[in-house]
PDB file of N, CA and C in Angstrom:
ATOM      1  N   MET A   1      92.266  59.951 -11.532  1.00  0.00           N
ATOM      2  CA  MET A   1      92.119  61.145 -11.239  1.00  0.00           C
ATOM      3  C   MET A   1      90.370  61.354 -11.224  1.00  0.00           C
ATOM      4  N   LYS A   2      89.968  61.886 -10.134  1.00  0.00           N
ATOM      5  CA  LYS A   2      88.450  62.118 -10.290  1.00  0.00           C
ATOM      6  C   LYS A   2      88.239  63.421 -10.678  1.00  0.00           C
ATOM      7  N   LYS A   3      87.060  63.504 -11.403  1.00  0.00           N
ATOM      8  CA  LYS A   3      86.804  64.924 -12.166  1.00  0.00           C
ATOM      9  C   LYS A   3      86.493  65.780 -10.763  1.00  0.00           C
ATOM     10  N   ASN A   4      86.933  67.014 -10.948  1.00  0.00           N
ATOM     11  CA  ASN A   4      86.452  67.956 -10.010  1.00  0.00           C
ATOM     12  C   ASN A   4      86.293  69.511 -10.744  1.00  0.00           C
ATOM     13  N   MET A   5      85.995  69.356 -11.870  1.00  0.00           N
ATOM     14  CA  MET A   5      85.545  70.529 -12.606  1.00  0.00           C
ATOM     15  C   MET A   5      84.105  70.393 -13.344  1.00  0.00           C
ATOM     16  N   GLY A   6      83.498  71.442 -13.057  1.00  0.00           N
ATOM     17  CA  GLY A   6      82.222  71.596 -13.709  1.00  0.00           C
ATOM     18  C   GLY A   6      82.064  72.130 -15.107  1.00  0.00           C
ATOM     19  N   THR A   7      80.872  72.104 -15.726  1.00  0.00           N
ATOM     20  CA  THR A   7      80.733  72.555 -17.089  1.00  0.00           C
ATOM     21  C   THR A   7      81.246  74.070 -17.197  1.00  0.00           C
ATOM     22  N   ILE A   8      80.669  74.875 -16.327  1.00  0.00           N
ATOM     23  CA  ILE A   8      80.873  76.405 -16.287  1.00  0.00           C
ATOM     24  C   ILE A   8      82.258  76.649 -16.101  1.00  0.00           C
ATOM     25  N   ASP A   9      82.963  76.000 -15.089  1.00  0.00           N
ATOM     26  CA  ASP A   9      84.377  76.145 -14.857  1.00  0.00           C
ATOM     27  C   ASP A   9      85.296  75.854 -16.159  1.00  0.00           C
ATOM     28  N   LYS A  10      84.917  74.689 -16.803  1.00  0.00           N
ATOM     29  CA  LYS A  10      85.565  74.556 -17.850  1.00  0.00           C
ATOM     30  C   LYS A  10      85.342  75.562 -19.120  1.00  0.00           C
ATOM     31  N   SER A  11      84.144  75.898 -19.360  1.00  0.00           N
ATOM     32  CA  SER A  11      83.701  76.847 -20.323  1.00  0.00           C
ATOM     33  C   SER A  11      84.571  78.283 -19.945  1.00  0.00           C
ATOM     34  N   ILE A  12      84.619  78.565 -18.714  1.00  0.00           N
ATOM     35  CA  ILE A  12      85.111  79.966 -18.438  1.00  0.00           C
ATOM     36  C   ILE A  12      86.784  79.815 -18.860  1.00  0.00           C
ATOM     37  N   ARG A  13      87.447  78.690 -18.505  1.00  0.00           N
ATOM     38  CA  ARG A  13      88.728  78.465 -18.816  1.00  0.00           C
ATOM     39  C   ARG A  13      89.142  78.406 -20.333  1.00  0.00           C
ATOM     40  N   ILE A  14      88.188  77.715 -21.044  1.00  0.00           N
ATOM     41  CA  ILE A  14      88.532  77.819 -22.407  1.00  0.00           C
ATOM     42  C   ILE A  14      88.505  79.204 -23.013  1.00  0.00           C
ATOM     43  N   ILE A  15      87.391  79.840 -22.534  1.00  0.00           N
ATOM     44  CA  ILE A  15      87.214  81.194 -23.045  1.00  0.00           C
ATOM     45  C   ILE A  15      88.535  82.158 -22.715  1.00  0.00           C
ATOM     46  N   ILE A  16      88.853  81.880 -21.505  1.00  0.00           N
ATOM     47  CA  ILE A  16      90.082  82.663 -21.225  1.00  0.00           C
ATOM     48  C   ILE A  16      91.314  82.393 -22.026  1.00  0.00           C
ATOM     49  N   ALA A  17      91.465  81.011 -22.242  1.00  0.00           N
ATOM     50  CA  ALA A  17      92.628  80.532 -22.998  1.00  0.00           C
ATOM     51  C   ALA A  17      92.483  81.047 -24.338  1.00  0.00           C
ATOM     52  N   ALA A  18      91.350  81.026 -25.029  1.00  0.00           N
ATOM     53  CA  ALA A  18      91.109  81.668 -26.286  1.00  0.00           C
ATOM     54  C   ALA A  18      91.519  83.139 -26.471  1.00  0.00           C
ATOM     55  N   LEU A  19      91.055  83.811 -25.414  1.00  0.00           N
ATOM     56  CA  LEU A  19      91.230  85.293 -25.310  1.00  0.00           C
ATOM     57  C   LEU A  19      92.731  85.556 -25.430  1.00  0.00           C
ATOM     58  N   ILE A  20      93.520  84.762 -24.478  1.00  0.00           N
ATOM     59  CA  ILE A  20      94.929  85.007 -24.445  1.00  0.00           C
ATOM     60  C   ILE A  20      95.648  84.695 -25.632  1.00  0.00           C
ATOM     61  N   ALA A  21      95.268  83.601 -26.082  1.00  0.00           N
ATOM     62  CA  ALA A  21      95.901  83.131 -27.405  1.00  0.00           C
ATOM     63  C   ALA A  21      95.715  84.029 -28.711  1.00  0.00           C
ATOM     64  N   ILE A  22      94.465  84.787 -28.796  1.00  0.00           N
ATOM     65  CA  ILE A  22      94.109  85.866 -29.634  1.00  0.00           C
ATOM     66  C   ILE A  22      95.132  86.999 -29.347  1.00  0.00           C
ATOM     67  N   LEU A  23      95.175  87.471 -28.247  1.00  0.00           N
ATOM     68  CA  LEU A  23      96.043  88.551 -28.015  1.00  0.00           C
ATOM     69  C   LEU A  23      97.356  88.398 -28.133  1.00  0.00           C
ATOM     70  N   TYR A  24      97.956  87.186 -28.001  1.00  0.00           N
ATOM     71  CA  TYR A  24      99.361  86.766 -28.107  1.00  0.00           C
ATOM     72  C   TYR A  24      99.569  86.948 -29.635  1.00  0.00           C
ATOM     73  N   PHE A  25      98.698  85.959 -30.400  1.00  0.00           N
ATOM     74  CA  PHE A  25      98.871  85.996 -31.859  1.00  0.00           C
ATOM     75  C   PHE A  25      98.931  87.098 -32.468  1.00  0.00           C
ATOM     76  N   THR A  26      98.294  88.143 -32.066  1.00  0.00           N
ATOM     77  CA  THR A  26      97.817  89.493 -32.845  1.00  0.00           C
ATOM     78  C   THR A  26      98.803  90.524 -32.274  1.00  0.00           C
ATOM     79  N   ASN A  27      99.912  90.199 -31.457  1.00  0.00           N
ATOM     80  CA  ASN A  27     100.770  90.900 -31.086  1.00  0.00           C
ATOM     81  C   ASN A  27     100.369  91.976 -29.992  1.00  0.00           C
ATOM     82  N   ILE A  28      99.285  91.810 -29.524  1.00  0.00           N
ATOM     83  CA  ILE A  28      98.656  92.690 -28.297  1.00  0.00           C
ATOM     84  C   ILE A  28      99.553  92.655 -27.206  1.00  0.00           C
ATOM     85  N   ILE A  29      99.728  91.427 -26.815  1.00  0.00           N
ATOM     86  CA  ILE A  29     100.671  90.972 -25.626  1.00  0.00           C
ATOM     87  C   ILE A  29     101.836  90.415 -26.205  1.00  0.00           C
ATOM     88  N   GLY A  30     102.922  90.489 -25.559  1.00  0.00           N
ATOM     89  CA  GLY A  30     104.182  89.925 -26.159  1.00  0.00           C
ATOM     90  C   GLY A  30     105.187  89.754 -24.902  1.00  0.00           C
ATOM     91  N   GLY A  31     106.472  89.414 -25.560  1.00  0.00           N
ATOM     92  CA  GLY A  31     107.483  89.275 -24.400  1.00  0.00           C
ATOM     93  C   GLY A  31     107.434  88.299 -23.353  1.00  0.00           C
ATOM     94  N   THR A  32     108.085  88.502 -22.467  1.00  0.00           N
ATOM     95  CA  THR A  32     107.946  87.413 -21.182  1.00  0.00           C
ATOM     96  C   THR A  32     106.464  87.065 -20.779  1.00  0.00           C
ATOM     97  N   VAL A  33     105.868  88.331 -20.614  1.00  0.00           N
ATOM     98  CA  VAL A  33     104.489  88.330 -20.177  1.00  0.00           C
ATOM     99  C   VAL A  33     103.669  87.425 -21.075  1.00  0.00           C
ATOM    100  N   GLY A  34     103.684  87.874 -22.373  1.00  0.00           N
ATOM    101  CA  GLY A  34     103.052  87.035 -23.353  1.00  0.00           C
ATOM    102  C   GLY A  34     103.315  85.512 -23.225  1.00  0.00           C
ATOM    103  N   LEU A  35     104.321  85.204 -23.267  1.00  0.00           N
ATOM    104  CA  LEU A  35     104.800  83.645 -23.041  1.00  0.00           C
ATOM    105  C   LEU A  35     104.179  83.044 -21.854  1.00  0.00           C
ATOM    106  N   VAL A  36     104.358  83.764 -20.656  1.00  0.00           N
ATOM    107  CA  VAL A  36     103.903  83.169 -19.376  1.00  0.00           C
ATOM    108  C   VAL A  36     102.270  83.044 -19.573  1.00  0.00           C
ATOM    109  N   LEU A  37     101.677  84.134 -20.130  1.00  0.00           N
ATOM    110  CA  LEU A  37     100.152  83.900 -20.247  1.00  0.00           C
ATOM    111  C   LEU A  37      99.801  82.760 -21.396  1.00  0.00           C
ATOM    112  N   LEU A  38     100.552  82.556 -22.196  1.00  0.00           N
ATOM    113  CA  LEU A  38     100.345  81.529 -23.196  1.00  0.00           C
ATOM    114  C   LEU A  38     100.468  80.289 -22.635  1.00  0.00           C
ATOM    115  N   VAL A  39     101.474  80.080 -21.810  1.00  0.00           N
ATOM    116  CA  VAL A  39     101.586  78.750 -21.071  1.00  0.00           C
ATOM    117  C   VAL A  39     100.569  78.647 -20.182  1.00  0.00           C
ATOM    118  N   LEU A  40      99.993  79.697 -19.502  1.00  0.00           N
ATOM    119  CA  LEU A  40      99.005  79.569 -18.527  1.00  0.00           C
ATOM    120  C   LEU A  40      97.660  79.174 -19.356  1.00  0.00           C
ATOM    121  N   ALA A  41      97.453  79.630 -20.647  1.00  0.00           N
ATOM    122  CA  ALA A  41      96.201  79.248 -21.398  1.00  0.00           C
ATOM    123  C   ALA A  41      96.387  77.931 -21.741  1.00  0.00           C
ATOM    124  N   GLY A  42      97.581  77.236 -22.104  1.00  0.00           N
ATOM    125  CA  GLY A  42      97.637  75.934 -22.329  1.00  0.00           C
ATOM    126  C   GLY A  42      97.300  75.063 -21.093  1.00  0.00           C
ATOM    127  N   VAL A  43      97.650  75.433 -19.984  1.00  0.00           N
ATOM    128  CA  VAL A  43      97.326  74.739 -18.703  1.00  0.00           C
ATOM    129  C   VAL A  43      95.924  74.751 -18.419  1.00  0.00           C
ATOM    130  N   PHE A  44      95.121  75.952 -18.860  1.00  0.00           N
ATOM    131  CA  PHE A  44      93.686  75.874 -18.847  1.00  0.00           C
ATOM    132  C   PHE A  44      92.959  75.124 -19.856  1.00  0.00           C
ATOM    133  N   LEU A  45      93.689  75.139 -20.887  1.00  0.00           N
ATOM    134  CA  LEU A  45      92.949  73.932 -21.833  1.00  0.00           C
ATOM    135  C   LEU A  45      93.257  72.589 -21.420  1.00  0.00           C
ATOM    136  N   LEU A  46      94.324  72.285 -21.044  1.00  0.00           N
ATOM    137  CA  LEU A  46      94.710  70.721 -20.627  1.00  0.00           C
ATOM    138  C   LEU A  46      93.798  70.536 -19.438  1.00  0.00           C
ATOM    139  N   THR A  47      93.514  71.267 -18.479  1.00  0.00           N
ATOM    140  CA  THR A  47      92.734  70.921 -17.190  1.00  0.00           C
ATOM    141  C   THR A  47      91.283  70.946 -17.690  1.00  0.00           C
ATOM    142  N   SER A  48      91.094  71.599 -18.673  1.00  0.00           N
ATOM    143  CA  SER A  48      89.552  71.651 -19.166  1.00  0.00           C
ATOM    144  C   SER A  48      89.169  70.320 -19.852  1.00  0.00           C
ATOM    145  N   VAL A  49      90.262  69.893 -20.715  1.00  0.00           N
ATOM    146  CA  VAL A  49      89.961  68.798 -21.411  1.00  0.00           C
ATOM    147  C   VAL A  49      89.946  67.503 -20.501  1.00  0.00           C
ATOM    148  N   VAL A  50      90.786  67.433 -19.428  1.00  0.00           N
ATOM    149  CA  VAL A  50      90.680  66.248 -18.519  1.00  0.00           C
ATOM    150  C   VAL A  50      89.926  66.534 -17.425  1.00  0.00           C
ATOM    151  N   SER A  51      88.979  67.561 -17.224  1.00  0.00           N
ATOM    152  CA  SER A  51      88.178  67.941 -16.254  1.00  0.00           C
ATOM    153  C   SER A  51      88.664  67.773 -14.686  1.00  0.00           C
ATOM    154  N   PHE A  52      90.109  67.942 -14.583  1.00  0.00           N
ATOM    155  CA  PHE A  52      90.679  67.823 -13.322  1.00  0.00           C
ATOM    156  C   PHE A  52      91.699  69.025 -13.274  1.00  0.00           C
ATOM    157  N   CYS A  53      91.686  69.683 -11.961  1.00  0.00           N
ATOM    158  CA  CYS A  53      92.508  70.595 -11.689  1.00  0.00           C
ATOM    159  C   CYS A  53      93.325  70.350 -10.523  1.00  0.00           C
ATOM    160  N   PRO A  54      94.488  70.138 -10.413  1.00  0.00           N
ATOM    161  CA  PRO A  54      95.236  69.736  -9.429  1.00  0.00           C
ATOM    162  C   PRO A  54      95.329  70.751  -8.343  1.00  0.00           C
ATOM    163  N   LEU A  55      95.192  72.053  -8.462  1.00  0.00           N
ATOM    164  CA  LEU A  55      95.211  72.927  -7.478  1.00  0.00           C
ATOM    165  C   LEU A  55      93.865  72.918  -6.672  1.00  0.00           C
ATOM    166  N   TYR A  56      92.895  72.388  -7.090  1.00  0.00           N
ATOM    167  CA  TYR A  56      91.661  72.062  -6.357  1.00  0.00           C
ATOM    168  C   TYR A  56      91.703  71.019  -5.166  1.00  0.00           C
ATOM    169  N   LEU A  57      92.752  69.970  -5.547  1.00  0.00           N
ATOM    170  CA  LEU A  57      92.692  69.053  -4.540  1.00  0.00           C
ATOM    171  C   LEU A  57      93.230  69.299  -3.319  1.00  0.00           C
ATOM    172  N   PRO A  58      94.284  69.905  -3.061  1.00  0.00           N
ATOM    173  CA  PRO A  58      94.629  70.323  -1.615  1.00  0.00           C
ATOM    174  C   PRO A  58      93.449  71.120  -0.786  1.00  0.00           C
ATOM    175  N   PHE A  59      92.761  71.786  -1.503  1.00  0.00           N
ATOM    176  CA  PHE A  59      91.671  72.766  -0.727  1.00  0.00           C
ATOM    177  C   PHE A  59      90.310  72.001  -0.732  1.00  0.00           C
ATOM    178  N   GLY A  60      90.214  70.854  -1.368  1.00  0.00           N
ATOM    179  CA  GLY A  60      89.083  70.038  -1.156  1.00  0.00           C
ATOM    180  C   GLY A  60      87.977  70.614  -2.078  1.00  0.00           C
ATOM    181  N   LEU A  61      88.568  71.432  -3.155  1.00  0.00           N
ATOM    182  CA  LEU A  61      87.197  72.191  -3.934  1.00  0.00           C
ATOM    183  C   LEU A  61      86.822  71.325  -5.145  1.00  0.00           C
ATOM    184  N   SER A  62      85.599  71.412  -5.457  1.00  0.00           N
ATOM    185  CA  SER A  62      84.871  70.777  -6.546  1.00  0.00           C
ATOM    186  C   SER A  62      84.053  71.659  -7.179  1.00  0.00           C
ATOM    187  N   THR A  63      83.935  71.852  -8.405  1.00  0.00           N
ATOM    188  CA  THR A  63      82.859  72.460  -9.152  1.00  0.00           C
ATOM    189  C   THR A  63      81.849  71.687  -9.886  1.00  0.00           C
ATOM    190  N   CYS A  64      82.086  70.521  -9.908  1.00  0.00           N
ATOM    191  CA  CYS A  64      81.319  69.405 -10.425  1.00  0.00           C
ATOM    192  C   CYS A  64      79.813  69.381  -9.639  1.00  0.00           C
ATOM    193  N   CYS A  65      78.909  69.140 -10.643  1.00  0.00           N
ATOM    194  CA  CYS A  65      77.487  69.138  -9.981  1.00  0.00           C
ATOM    195  C   CYS A  65      77.544  67.779  -9.219  1.00  0.00           C
ATOM    196  N   LYS A  66      76.802  67.714  -8.190  1.00  0.00           N
ATOM    197  CA  LYS A  66      76.786  66.395  -7.526  1.00  0.00           C
ATOM    198  C   LYS A  66      75.614  65.725  -7.985  1.00  0.00           C
ATOM    199  N   LYS A  67      75.863  64.298  -8.365  1.00  0.00           N
ATOM    200  CA  LYS A  67      74.801  63.587  -9.000  1.00  0.00           C
ATOM    201  C   LYS A  67      73.854  63.015  -7.871  1.00  0.00           C
ATOM    202  N   LYS A  68      72.476  62.992  -8.178  1.00  0.00           N
ATOM    203  CA  LYS A  68      71.461  62.438  -7.212  1.00  0.00           C
ATOM    204  C   LYS A  68      71.544  60.965  -7.198  1.00  0.00           C
ATOM    205  N   GLU A  69      71.452  60.451  -6.164  1.00  0.00           N
ATOM    206  CA  GLU A  69      71.538  58.995  -6.073  1.00  0.00           C
ATOM    207  C   GLU A  69      70.125  58.202  -5.733  1.00  0.00           C
TER     208      GLU A  69
END
C-alpha cells in the first residue's frame, strides 16, 4: 500500500475520532447512531495509523506532500 494521507489529514481524523469516542463514552450520543459513529472513529484511527485511505484510491486522491526529487 502506497501512503496517500498527509499529516494534516491524519491529524484531523484523529481529532474527530477522539471527539466521537468522548461523546460516546460520556453518553452524549448513544444507540445505533453512537455505535455507527464509534465504528467510523475506529476506521479513522486505523487509516491514520497506516497512512492509507482506500476511498482515495478510486478517485486518485492523495493528501501526501510530494517529495522534491
